[in-house]
Amino acid sequence: MRKIVHIQASQCGNQIGAKFWEVISDEHGIDPTGTYLGDSNLQLDRISVYYNEATGGEYVPPAILVDLEPVTMDSVRSGPFGQIFRPDNFVFETGFHHVDQDGLDLSTS
């Protein structure tokens, strides 16, 4: 069986990725909460390629969303299908490491 892990990076990648999941969810009869509402067995055919089935029968995309700031992540979360993603799949970090002109990591000093 095949499996797709979707990695979305930066503002553009996350915006395109959010739209991708909106379209794929519509094609497979998945609503914004991850619940299957379709009416065709064809929609369930190979659904496991795109989604993981969570407890309660909900479908969750195996996606990793990465950015340097939380603003993009917040816009994805508040979008039409933002609730379909697992909260721990959002990864962002700003200003954690500060490097000086000599390349030394100042955050550990």
PDB file of N, CA and C in Angstrom:
ATOM      1  N   MET A   1       0.827  -1.171   0.000  1.00  0.00           N
ATOM      2  CA  MET A   1       0.000   0.000   0.000  1.00  0.00           C
ATOM      3  C   MET A   1       0.880   1.246   0.000  1.00  0.00           C
ATOM      4  N   ARG A   2       0.468   2.244  -0.743  1.00  0.00           N
ATOM      5  CA  ARG A   2       1.200   3.504  -0.801  1.00  0.00           C
ATOM      6  C   ARG A   2       0.677   4.454   0.264  1.00  0.00           C
ATOM      7  N   LYS A   3       1.540   5.385   0.646  1.00  0.00           N
ATOM      8  CA  LYS A   3       1.156   6.402   1.624  1.00  0.00           C
ATOM      9  C   LYS A   3       1.830   7.706   1.236  1.00  0.00           C
ATOM     10  N   ILE A   4       1.105   8.795   1.310  1.00  0.00           N
ATOM     11  CA  ILE A   4       1.652  10.109   1.012  1.00  0.00           C
ATOM     12  C   ILE A   4       1.772  10.881   2.316  1.00  0.00           C
ATOM     13  N   VAL A   5       2.966  11.408   2.577  1.00  0.00           N
ATOM     14  CA  VAL A   5       3.164  12.332   3.683  1.00  0.00           C
ATOM     15  C   VAL A   5       3.387  13.689   3.040  1.00  0.00           C
ATOM     16  N   HIS A   6       2.563  14.629   3.385  1.00  0.00           N
ATOM     17  CA  HIS A   6       2.536  15.934   2.741  1.00  0.00           C
ATOM     18  C   HIS A   6       3.275  16.936   3.611  1.00  0.00           C
ATOM     19  N   ILE A   7       4.311  17.586   3.064  1.00  0.00           N
ATOM     20  CA  ILE A   7       5.068  18.594   3.803  1.00  0.00           C
ATOM     21  C   ILE A   7       4.802  19.950   3.163  1.00  0.00           C
ATOM     22  N   GLN A   8       4.291  20.863   3.968  1.00  0.00           N
ATOM     23  CA  GLN A   8       3.990  22.211   3.514  1.00  0.00           C
ATOM     24  C   GLN A   8       4.964  23.152   4.211  1.00  0.00           C
ATOM     25  N   ALA A   9       5.686  23.968   3.435  1.00  0.00           N
ATOM     26  CA  ALA A   9       6.680  24.856   4.024  1.00  0.00           C
ATOM     27  C   ALA A   9       6.481  26.293   3.560  1.00  0.00           C
ATOM     28  N   SER A  10       6.626  27.211   4.469  1.00  0.00           N
ATOM     29  CA  SER A  10       6.538  28.656   4.279  1.00  0.00           C
ATOM     30  C   SER A  10       5.113  29.106   3.968  1.00  0.00           C
ATOM     31  N   GLN A  11       4.950  30.401   3.821  1.00  0.00           N
ATOM     32  CA  GLN A  11       3.613  30.952   3.617  1.00  0.00           C
ATOM     33  C   GLN A  11       2.968  30.420   2.347  1.00  0.00           C
ATOM     34  N   CYS A  12       3.689  30.472   1.245  1.00  0.00           N
ATOM     35  CA  CYS A  12       3.141  30.001  -0.031  1.00  0.00           C
ATOM     36  C   CYS A  12       2.817  28.515   0.022  1.00  0.00           C
ATOM     37  N   GLY A  13       3.740  27.718   0.517  1.00  0.00           N
ATOM     38  CA  GLY A  13       3.530  26.274   0.591  1.00  0.00           C
ATOM     39  C   GLY A  13       2.348  25.900   1.468  1.00  0.00           C
ATOM     40  N   ASN A  14       2.177  26.621   2.566  1.00  0.00           N
ATOM     41  CA  ASN A  14       1.058  26.333   3.459  1.00  0.00           C
ATOM     42  C   ASN A  14      -0.275  26.775   2.868  1.00  0.00           C
ATOM     43  N   GLN A  15      -0.277  27.873   2.141  1.00  0.00           N
ATOM     44  CA  GLN A  15      -1.518  28.317   1.504  1.00  0.00           C
ATOM     45  C   GLN A  15      -1.929  27.362   0.384  1.00  0.00           C
ATOM     46  N   ILE A  16      -0.968  26.947  -0.427  1.00  0.00           N
ATOM     47  CA  ILE A  16      -1.261  25.974  -1.488  1.00  0.00           C
ATOM     48  C   ILE A  16      -1.674  24.642  -0.869  1.00  0.00           C
ATOM     49  N   GLY A  17      -0.946  24.216   0.170  1.00  0.00           N
ATOM     50  CA  GLY A  17      -1.261  22.955   0.837  1.00  0.00           C
ATOM     51  C   GLY A  17      -2.640  22.952   1.469  1.00  0.00           C
ATOM     52  N   ALA A  18      -3.037  24.065   2.073  1.00  0.00           N
ATOM     53  CA  ALA A  18      -4.369  24.147   2.680  1.00  0.00           C
ATOM     54  C   ALA A  18      -5.449  23.999   1.610  1.00  0.00           C
ATOM     55  N   LYS A  19      -5.235  24.620   0.464  1.00  0.00           N
ATOM     56  CA  LYS A  19      -6.202  24.492  -0.638  1.00  0.00           C
ATOM     57  C   LYS A  19      -6.204  23.067  -1.187  1.00  0.00           C
ATOM     58  N   PHE A  20      -5.021  22.442  -1.260  1.00  0.00           N
ATOM     59  CA  PHE A  20      -4.916  21.054  -1.710  1.00  0.00           C
ATOM     60  C   PHE A  20      -5.791  20.155  -0.842  1.00  0.00           C
ATOM     61  N   TRP A  21      -5.683  20.290   0.492  1.00  0.00           N
ATOM     62  CA  TRP A  21      -6.458  19.441   1.395  1.00  0.00           C
ATOM     63  C   TRP A  21      -7.941  19.747   1.325  1.00  0.00           C
ATOM     64  N   GLU A  22      -8.278  20.984   1.036  1.00  0.00           N
ATOM     65  CA  GLU A  22      -9.686  21.341   0.856  1.00  0.00           C
ATOM     66  C   GLU A  22     -10.265  20.618  -0.364  1.00  0.00           C
ATOM     67  N   VAL A  23      -9.522  20.614  -1.471  1.00  0.00           N
ATOM     68  CA  VAL A  23      -9.982  19.957  -2.706  1.00  0.00           C
ATOM     69  C   VAL A  23     -10.018  18.442  -2.542  1.00  0.00           C
ATOM     70  N   ILE A  24      -8.953  17.855  -1.988  1.00  0.00           N
ATOM     71  CA  ILE A  24      -8.895  16.400  -1.794  1.00  0.00           C
ATOM     72  C   ILE A  24     -10.007  15.946  -0.852  1.00  0.00           C
ATOM     73  N   SER A  25     -10.246  16.708   0.196  1.00  0.00           N
ATOM     74  CA  SER A  25     -11.312  16.359   1.142  1.00  0.00           C
ATOM     75  C   SER A  25     -12.672  16.380   0.457  1.00  0.00           C
ATOM     76  N   ASP A  26     -12.900  17.371  -0.370  1.00  0.00           N
ATOM     77  CA  ASP A  26     -14.161  17.446  -1.103  1.00  0.00           C
ATOM     78  C   ASP A  26     -14.317  16.251  -2.043  1.00  0.00           C
ATOM     79  N   GLU A  27     -13.250  15.890  -2.734  1.00  0.00           N
ATOM     80  CA  GLU A  27     -13.304  14.750  -3.663  1.00  0.00           C
ATOM     81  C   GLU A  27     -13.598  13.438  -2.951  1.00  0.00           C
ATOM     82  N   HIS A  28     -13.125  13.310  -1.713  1.00  0.00           N
ATOM     83  CA  HIS A  28     -13.303  12.064  -0.966  1.00  0.00           C
ATOM     84  C   HIS A  28     -14.467  12.110   0.019  1.00  0.00           C
ATOM     85  N   GLY A  29     -15.241  13.190   0.020  1.00  0.00           N
ATOM     86  CA  GLY A  29     -16.403  13.275   0.899  1.00  0.00           C
ATOM     87  C   GLY A  29     -16.069  13.496   2.354  1.00  0.00           C
ATOM     88  N   ILE A  30     -14.950  14.151   2.624  1.00  0.00           N
ATOM     89  CA  ILE A  30     -14.517  14.425   3.993  1.00  0.00           C
ATOM     90  C   ILE A  30     -14.888  15.869   4.333  1.00  0.00           C
ATOM     91  N   ASP A  31     -15.574  16.061   5.459  1.00  0.00           N
ATOM     92  CA  ASP A  31     -15.950  17.422   5.847  1.00  0.00           C
ATOM     93  C   ASP A  31     -14.808  18.086   6.622  1.00  0.00           C
ATOM     94  N   PRO A  32     -14.926  19.373   6.962  1.00  0.00           N
ATOM     95  CA  PRO A  32     -13.835  20.086   7.638  1.00  0.00           C
ATOM     96  C   PRO A  32     -13.419  19.529   8.995  1.00  0.00           C
ATOM     97  N   THR A  33     -14.231  18.669   9.595  1.00  0.00           N
ATOM     98  CA  THR A  33     -13.841  18.064  10.874  1.00  0.00           C
ATOM     99  C   THR A  33     -13.191  16.698  10.691  1.00  0.00           C
ATOM    100  N   GLY A  34     -13.098  16.221   9.448  1.00  0.00           N
ATOM    101  CA  GLY A  34     -12.493  14.923   9.176  1.00  0.00           C
ATOM    102  C   GLY A  34     -13.481  13.782   9.115  1.00  0.00           C
ATOM    103  N   THR A  35     -14.763  14.083   9.169  1.00  0.00           N
ATOM    104  CA  THR A  35     -15.809  13.063   9.126  1.00  0.00           C
ATOM    105  C   THR A  35     -16.180  12.751   7.683  1.00  0.00           C
ATOM    106  N   TYR A  36     -16.320  11.461   7.386  1.00  0.00           N
ATOM    107  CA  TYR A  36     -16.729  11.054   6.036  1.00  0.00           C
ATOM    108  C   TYR A  36     -18.228  11.270   5.883  1.00  0.00           C
ATOM    109  N   LEU A  37     -18.610  12.063   4.903  1.00  0.00           N
ATOM    110  CA  LEU A  37     -20.016  12.336   4.614  1.00  0.00           C
ATOM    111  C   LEU A  37     -20.375  11.957   3.183  1.00  0.00           C
ATOM    112  N   GLY A  38     -19.466  11.255   2.524  1.00  0.00           N
ATOM    113  CA  GLY A  38     -19.682  10.914   1.124  1.00  0.00           C
ATOM    114  C   GLY A  38     -20.783   9.901   0.926  1.00  0.00           C
ATOM    115  N   ASP A  39     -21.062   9.641  -0.340  1.00  0.00           N
ATOM    116  CA  ASP A  39     -22.141   8.719  -0.681  1.00  0.00           C
ATOM    117  C   ASP A  39     -21.721   7.682  -1.714  1.00  0.00           C
ATOM    118  N   SER A  40     -20.415   7.496  -1.862  1.00  0.00           N
ATOM    119  CA  SER A  40     -19.936   6.576  -2.885  1.00  0.00           C
ATOM    120  C   SER A  40     -18.756   5.767  -2.355  1.00  0.00           C
ATOM    121  N   ASN A  41     -18.757   4.480  -2.670  1.00  0.00           N
ATOM    122  CA  ASN A  41     -17.619   3.644  -2.285  1.00  0.00           C
ATOM    123  C   ASN A  41     -16.350   4.057  -3.015  1.00  0.00           C
ATOM    124  N   LEU A  42     -16.491   4.700  -4.169  1.00  0.00           N
ATOM    125  CA  LEU A  42     -15.317   5.178  -4.897  1.00  0.00           C
ATOM    126  C   LEU A  42     -14.560   6.234  -4.091  1.00  0.00           C
ATOM    127  N   GLN A  43     -15.277   7.002  -3.286  1.00  0.00           N
ATOM    128  CA  GLN A  43     -14.617   8.010  -2.458  1.00  0.00           C
ATOM    129  C   GLN A  43     -13.749   7.364  -1.381  1.00  0.00           C
ATOM    130  N   LEU A  44     -14.136   6.193  -0.913  1.00  0.00           N
ATOM    131  CA  LEU A  44     -13.367   5.495   0.119  1.00  0.00           C
ATOM    132  C   LEU A  44     -12.247   4.637  -0.458  1.00  0.00           C
ATOM    133  N   ASP A  45     -12.302   4.411  -1.769  1.00  0.00           N
ATOM    134  CA  ASP A  45     -11.275   3.615  -2.417  1.00  0.00           C
ATOM    135  C   ASP A  45      -9.928   4.335  -2.315  1.00  0.00           C
ATOM    136  N   ARG A  46      -8.979   3.709  -1.696  1.00  0.00           N
ATOM    137  CA  ARG A  46      -7.625   4.237  -1.515  1.00  0.00           C
ATOM    138  C   ARG A  46      -7.565   5.513  -0.677  1.00  0.00           C
ATOM    139  N   ILE A  47      -8.558   5.726   0.160  1.00  0.00           N
ATOM    140  CA  ILE A  47      -8.547   6.912   1.020  1.00  0.00           C
ATOM    141  C   ILE A  47      -7.365   6.879   1.983  1.00  0.00           C
ATOM    142  N   SER A  48      -6.889   5.678   2.299  1.00  0.00           N
ATOM    143  CA  SER A  48      -5.756   5.549   3.225  1.00  0.00           C
ATOM    144  C   SER A  48      -4.447   6.039   2.617  1.00  0.00           C
ATOM    145  N   VAL A  49      -4.425   6.278   1.303  1.00  0.00           N
ATOM    146  CA  VAL A  49      -3.235   6.866   0.685  1.00  0.00           C
ATOM    147  C   VAL A  49      -3.095   8.320   1.134  1.00  0.00           C
ATOM    148  N   TYR A  50      -4.223   9.003   1.267  1.00  0.00           N
ATOM    149  CA  TYR A  50      -4.212  10.421   1.609  1.00  0.00           C
ATOM    150  C   TYR A  50      -4.434  10.718   3.088  1.00  0.00           C
ATOM    151  N   TYR A  51      -5.098   9.835   3.802  1.00  0.00           N
ATOM    152  CA  TYR A  51      -5.498  10.125   5.182  1.00  0.00           C
ATOM    153  C   TYR A  51      -5.120   8.998   6.129  1.00  0.00           C
ATOM    154  N   ASN A  52      -4.936   9.365   7.389  1.00  0.00           N
ATOM    155  CA  ASN A  52      -4.865   8.400   8.482  1.00  0.00           C
ATOM    156  C   ASN A  52      -6.240   8.379   9.132  1.00  0.00           C
ATOM    157  N   GLU A  53      -6.718   7.192   9.490  1.00  0.00           N
ATOM    158  CA  GLU A  53      -7.995   7.111  10.182  1.00  0.00           C
ATOM    159  C   GLU A  53      -7.739   7.188  11.683  1.00  0.00           C
ATOM    160  N   ALA A  54      -8.280   8.209  12.313  1.00  0.00           N
ATOM    161  CA  ALA A  54      -8.096   8.438  13.745  1.00  0.00           C
ATOM    162  C   ALA A  54      -9.211   7.754  14.521  1.00  0.00           C
ATOM    163  N   THR A  55      -9.097   7.788  15.831  1.00  0.00           N
ATOM    164  CA  THR A  55     -10.159   7.230  16.666  1.00  0.00           C
ATOM    165  C   THR A  55     -11.448   7.991  16.409  1.00  0.00           C
ATOM    166  N   GLY A  56     -12.540   7.290  16.447  1.00  0.00           N
ATOM    167  CA  GLY A  56     -13.824   7.909  16.162  1.00  0.00           C
ATOM    168  C   GLY A  56     -14.158   7.937  14.684  1.00  0.00           C
ATOM    169  N   GLY A  57     -13.318   7.310  13.862  1.00  0.00           N
ATOM    170  CA  GLY A  57     -13.587   7.237  12.434  1.00  0.00           C
ATOM    171  C   GLY A  57     -13.300   8.505  11.660  1.00  0.00           C
ATOM    172  N   GLU A  58     -12.637   9.467  12.277  1.00  0.00           N
ATOM    173  CA  GLU A  58     -12.301  10.695  11.569  1.00  0.00           C
ATOM    174  C   GLU A  58     -11.038  10.494  10.754  1.00  0.00           C
ATOM    175  N   TYR A  59     -10.946  11.238   9.665  1.00  0.00           N
ATOM    176  CA  TYR A  59      -9.794  11.154   8.777  1.00  0.00           C
ATOM    177  C   TYR A  59      -8.918  12.388   8.960  1.00  0.00           C
ATOM    178  N   VAL A  60      -7.606  12.142   9.104  1.00  0.00           N
ATOM    179  CA  VAL A  60      -6.637  13.201   9.370  1.00  0.00           C
ATOM    180  C   VAL A  60      -5.529  13.122   8.324  1.00  0.00           C
ATOM    181  N   PRO A  61      -5.193  14.237   7.686  1.00  0.00           N
ATOM    182  CA  PRO A  61      -4.107  14.207   6.710  1.00  0.00           C
ATOM    183  C   PRO A  61      -2.753  13.993   7.386  1.00  0.00           C
ATOM    184  N   PRO A  62      -1.917  13.116   6.829  1.00  0.00           N
ATOM    185  CA  PRO A  62      -0.555  12.981   7.347  1.00  0.00           C
ATOM    186  C   PRO A  62       0.301  14.121   6.799  1.00  0.00           C
ATOM    187  N   ALA A  63       0.098  15.304   7.334  1.00  0.00           N
ATOM    188  CA  ALA A  63       0.750  16.507   6.825  1.00  0.00           C
ATOM    189  C   ALA A  63       1.590  17.155   7.914  1.00  0.00           C
ATOM    190  N   ILE A  64       2.691  17.752   7.493  1.00  0.00           N
ATOM    191  CA  ILE A  64       3.544  18.528   8.379  1.00  0.00           C
ATOM    192  C   ILE A  64       3.559  19.944   7.821  1.00  0.00           C
ATOM    193  N   LEU A  65       3.185  20.902   8.641  1.00  0.00           N
ATOM    194  CA  LEU A  65       3.110  22.295   8.227  1.00  0.00           C
ATOM    195  C   LEU A  65       4.228  23.059   8.921  1.00  0.00           C
ATOM    196  N   VAL A  66       5.121  23.676   8.148  1.00  0.00           N
ATOM    197  CA  VAL A  66       6.324  24.302   8.683  1.00  0.00           C
ATOM    198  C   VAL A  66       6.386  25.765   8.247  1.00  0.00           C
ATOM    199  N   ASP A  67       6.738  26.637   9.179  1.00  0.00           N
ATOM    200  CA  ASP A  67       6.972  28.039   8.847  1.00  0.00           C
ATOM    201  C   ASP A  67       7.831  28.670   9.933  1.00  0.00           C
ATOM    202  N   LEU A  68       8.359  29.853   9.640  1.00  0.00           N
ATOM    203  CA  LEU A  68       9.205  30.550  10.600  1.00  0.00           C
ATOM    204  C   LEU A  68       8.415  31.392  11.583  1.00  0.00           C
ATOM    205  N   GLU A  69       7.146  31.614  11.303  1.00  0.00           N
ATOM    206  CA  GLU A  69       6.341  32.421  12.207  1.00  0.00           C
ATOM    207  C   GLU A  69       4.937  31.839  12.320  1.00  0.00           C
ATOM    208  N   PRO A  70       4.266  32.087  13.430  1.00  0.00           N
ATOM    209  CA  PRO A  70       2.955  31.473  13.661  1.00  0.00           C
ATOM    210  C   PRO A  70       1.805  32.094  12.870  1.00  0.00           C
ATOM    211  N   VAL A  71       2.001  33.253  12.248  1.00  0.00           N
ATOM    212  CA  VAL A  71       0.911  33.939  11.549  1.00  0.00           C
ATOM    213  C   VAL A  71       0.333  33.075  10.434  1.00  0.00           C
ATOM    214  N   THR A  72       1.198  32.453   9.650  1.00  0.00           N
ATOM    215  CA  THR A  72       0.726  31.587   8.565  1.00  0.00           C
ATOM    216  C   THR A  72      -0.022  30.392   9.125  1.00  0.00           C
ATOM    217  N   MET A  73       0.490  29.816  10.190  1.00  0.00           N
ATOM    218  CA  MET A  73      -0.167  28.669  10.808  1.00  0.00           C
ATOM    219  C   MET A  73      -1.553  29.050  11.321  1.00  0.00           C
ATOM    220  N   ASP A  74      -1.658  30.234  11.891  1.00  0.00           N
ATOM    221  CA  ASP A  74      -2.955  30.699  12.387  1.00  0.00           C
ATOM    222  C   ASP A  74      -3.952  30.869  11.250  1.00  0.00           C
ATOM    223  N   SER A  75      -3.477  31.345  10.096  1.00  0.00           N
ATOM    224  CA  SER A  75      -4.393  31.515   8.961  1.00  0.00           C
ATOM    225  C   SER A  75      -4.848  30.163   8.421  1.00  0.00           C
ATOM    226  N   VAL A  76      -3.974  29.160   8.444  1.00  0.00           N
ATOM    227  CA  VAL A  76      -4.377  27.815   8.011  1.00  0.00           C
ATOM    228  C   VAL A  76      -5.384  27.240   9.006  1.00  0.00           C
ATOM    229  N   ARG A  77      -5.094  27.366  10.307  1.00  0.00           N
ATOM    230  CA  ARG A  77      -6.006  26.853  11.342  1.00  0.00           C
ATOM    231  C   ARG A  77      -7.394  27.482  11.262  1.00  0.00           C
ATOM    232  N   SER A  78      -7.448  28.762  10.925  1.00  0.00           N
ATOM    233  CA  SER A  78      -8.740  29.452  10.876  1.00  0.00           C
ATOM    234  C   SER A  78      -9.414  29.333   9.513  1.00  0.00           C
ATOM    235  N   GLY A  79      -8.755  28.671   8.569  1.00  0.00           N
ATOM    236  CA  GLY A  79      -9.329  28.474   7.239  1.00  0.00           C
ATOM    237  C   GLY A  79     -10.432  27.431   7.240  1.00  0.00           C
ATOM    238  N   PRO A  80     -11.041  27.200   6.070  1.00  0.00           N
ATOM    239  CA  PRO A  80     -12.182  26.284   5.971  1.00  0.00           C
ATOM    240  C   PRO A  80     -11.897  24.863   6.463  1.00  0.00           C
ATOM    241  N   PHE A  81     -10.691  24.349   6.231  1.00  0.00           N
ATOM    242  CA  PHE A  81     -10.356  22.986   6.639  1.00  0.00           C
ATOM    243  C   PHE A  81      -9.229  22.966   7.675  1.00  0.00           C
ATOM    244  N   GLY A  82      -9.056  24.047   8.403  1.00  0.00           N
ATOM    245  CA  GLY A  82      -7.982  24.144   9.385  1.00  0.00           C
ATOM    246  C   GLY A  82      -8.082  23.157  10.530  1.00  0.00           C
ATOM    247  N   GLN A  83      -9.304  22.746  10.873  1.00  0.00           N
ATOM    248  CA  GLN A  83      -9.496  21.825  11.993  1.00  0.00           C
ATOM    249  C   GLN A  83      -9.202  20.376  11.636  1.00  0.00           C
ATOM    250  N   ILE A  84      -8.964  20.109  10.358  1.00  0.00           N
ATOM    251  CA  ILE A  84      -8.707  18.728   9.937  1.00  0.00           C
ATOM    252  C   ILE A  84      -7.282  18.289  10.301  1.00  0.00           C
ATOM    253  N   PHE A  85      -6.382  19.262  10.505  1.00  0.00           N
ATOM    254  CA  PHE A  85      -4.988  18.948  10.820  1.00  0.00           C
ATOM    255  C   PHE A  85      -4.808  18.705  12.313  1.00  0.00           C
ATOM    256  N   ARG A  86      -3.901  17.797  12.645  1.00  0.00           N
ATOM    257  CA  ARG A  86      -3.562  17.570  14.054  1.00  0.00           C
ATOM    258  C   ARG A  86      -2.761  18.768  14.558  1.00  0.00           C
ATOM    259  N   PRO A  87      -3.059  19.261  15.744  1.00  0.00           N
ATOM    260  CA  PRO A  87      -2.356  20.440  16.269  1.00  0.00           C
ATOM    261  C   PRO A  87      -0.842  20.255  16.382  1.00  0.00           C
ATOM    262  N   ASP A  88      -0.388  19.031  16.665  1.00  0.00           N
ATOM    263  CA  ASP A  88       1.054  18.823  16.808  1.00  0.00           C
ATOM    264  C   ASP A  88       1.774  18.698  15.468  1.00  0.00           C
ATOM    265  N   ASN A  89       1.075  18.829  14.358  1.00  0.00           N
ATOM    266  CA  ASN A  89       1.713  18.804  13.041  1.00  0.00           C
ATOM    267  C   ASN A  89       2.070  20.201  12.547  1.00  0.00           C
ATOM    268  N   PHE A  90       1.754  21.224  13.339  1.00  0.00           N
ATOM    269  CA  PHE A  90       2.138  22.597  13.019  1.00  0.00           C
ATOM    270  C   PHE A  90       3.489  22.865  13.672  1.00  0.00           C
ATOM    271  N   VAL A  91       4.496  23.208  12.876  1.00  0.00           N
ATOM    272  CA  VAL A  91       5.842  23.432  13.395  1.00  0.00           C
ATOM    273  C   VAL A  91       6.292  24.829  12.977  1.00  0.00           C
ATOM    274  N   PHE A  92       6.604  25.672  13.961  1.00  0.00           N
ATOM    275  CA  PHE A  92       7.152  26.985  13.646  1.00  0.00           C
ATOM    276  C   PHE A  92       8.142  27.377  14.724  1.00  0.00           C
ATOM    277  N   GLU A  93       9.089  28.218  14.357  1.00  0.00           N
ATOM    278  CA  GLU A  93      10.088  28.683  15.305  1.00  0.00           C
ATOM    279  C   GLU A  93      10.660  29.988  14.788  1.00  0.00           C
ATOM    280  N   THR A  94      10.690  30.972  15.634  1.00  0.00           N
ATOM    281  CA  THR A  94      11.265  32.260  15.283  1.00  0.00           C
ATOM    282  C   THR A  94      12.216  32.694  16.378  1.00  0.00           C
ATOM    283  N   GLY A  95      13.400  33.072  15.989  1.00  0.00           N
ATOM    284  CA  GLY A  95      14.326  33.670  16.926  1.00  0.00           C
ATOM    285  C   GLY A  95      14.821  32.769  18.032  1.00  0.00           C
ATOM    286  N   PHE A  96      14.766  31.464  17.855  1.00  0.00           N
ATOM    287  CA  PHE A  96      15.240  30.573  18.902  1.00  0.00           C
ATOM    288  C   PHE A  96      16.760  30.593  18.969  1.00  0.00           C
ATOM    289  N   HIS A  97      17.409  30.547  17.821  1.00  0.00           N
ATOM    290  CA  HIS A  97      18.869  30.597  17.764  1.00  0.00           C
ATOM    291  C   HIS A  97      19.303  31.932  17.174  1.00  0.00           C
ATOM    292  N   HIS A  98      20.231  32.565  17.842  1.00  0.00           N
ATOM    293  CA  HIS A  98      20.803  33.811  17.341  1.00  0.00           C
ATOM    294  C   HIS A  98      22.279  33.546  17.075  1.00  0.00           C
ATOM    295  N   VAL A  99      22.705  33.794  15.857  1.00  0.00           N
ATOM    296  CA  VAL A  99      24.085  33.530  15.476  1.00  0.00           C
ATOM    297  C   VAL A  99      24.774  34.866  15.246  1.00  0.00           C
ATOM    298  N   ASP A 100      25.966  35.030  15.849  1.00  0.00           N
ATOM    299  CA  ASP A 100      26.694  36.284  15.654  1.00  0.00           C
ATOM    300  C   ASP A 100      27.485  36.235  14.354  1.00  0.00           C
ATOM    301  N   GLN A 101      28.236  37.282  14.071  1.00  0.00           N
ATOM    302  CA  GLN A 101      28.957  37.393  12.806  1.00  0.00           C
ATOM    303  C   GLN A 101      30.020  36.316  12.622  1.00  0.00           C
ATOM    304  N   ASP A 102      30.498  35.710  13.696  1.00  0.00           N
ATOM    305  CA  ASP A 102      31.497  34.651  13.586  1.00  0.00           C
ATOM    306  C   ASP A 102      30.868  33.269  13.489  1.00  0.00           C
ATOM    307  N   GLY A 103      29.545  33.211  13.483  1.00  0.00           N
ATOM    308  CA  GLY A 103      28.870  31.927  13.367  1.00  0.00           C
ATOM    309  C   GLY A 103      28.671  31.219  14.691  1.00  0.00           C
ATOM    310  N   LEU A 104      28.883  31.911  15.806  1.00  0.00           N
ATOM    311  CA  LEU A 104      28.709  31.303  17.116  1.00  0.00           C
ATOM    312  C   LEU A 104      27.257  31.427  17.551  1.00  0.00           C
ATOM    313  N   ASP A 105      26.736  30.371  18.103  1.00  0.00           N
ATOM    314  CA  ASP A 105      25.355  30.353  18.581  1.00  0.00           C
ATOM    315  C   ASP A 105      25.294  31.085  19.916  1.00  0.00           C
ATOM    316  N   LEU A 106      24.647  32.237  19.931  1.00  0.00           N
ATOM    317  CA  LEU A 106      24.570  33.055  21.139  1.00  0.00           C
ATOM    318  C   LEU A 106      23.465  32.622  22.088  1.00  0.00           C
ATOM    319  N   SER A 107      22.563  31.775  21.638  1.00  0.00           N
ATOM    320  CA  SER A 107      21.438  31.386  22.490  1.00  0.00           C
ATOM    321  C   SER A 107      21.850  30.432  23.598  1.00  0.00           C
ATOM    322  N   THR A 108      23.023  29.832  23.491  1.00  0.00           N
ATOM    323  CA  THR A 108      23.482  28.902  24.524  1.00  0.00           C
ATOM    324  C   THR A 108      24.453  29.564  25.496  1.00  0.00           C
ATOM    325  N   SER A 109      24.769  30.837  25.271  1.00  0.00           N
ATOM    326  CA  SER A 109      25.724  31.544  26.132  1.00  0.00           C
ATOM    327  C   SER A 109      25.094  31.955  27.429  1.00  0.00           C
TER     328      SER A 109
END
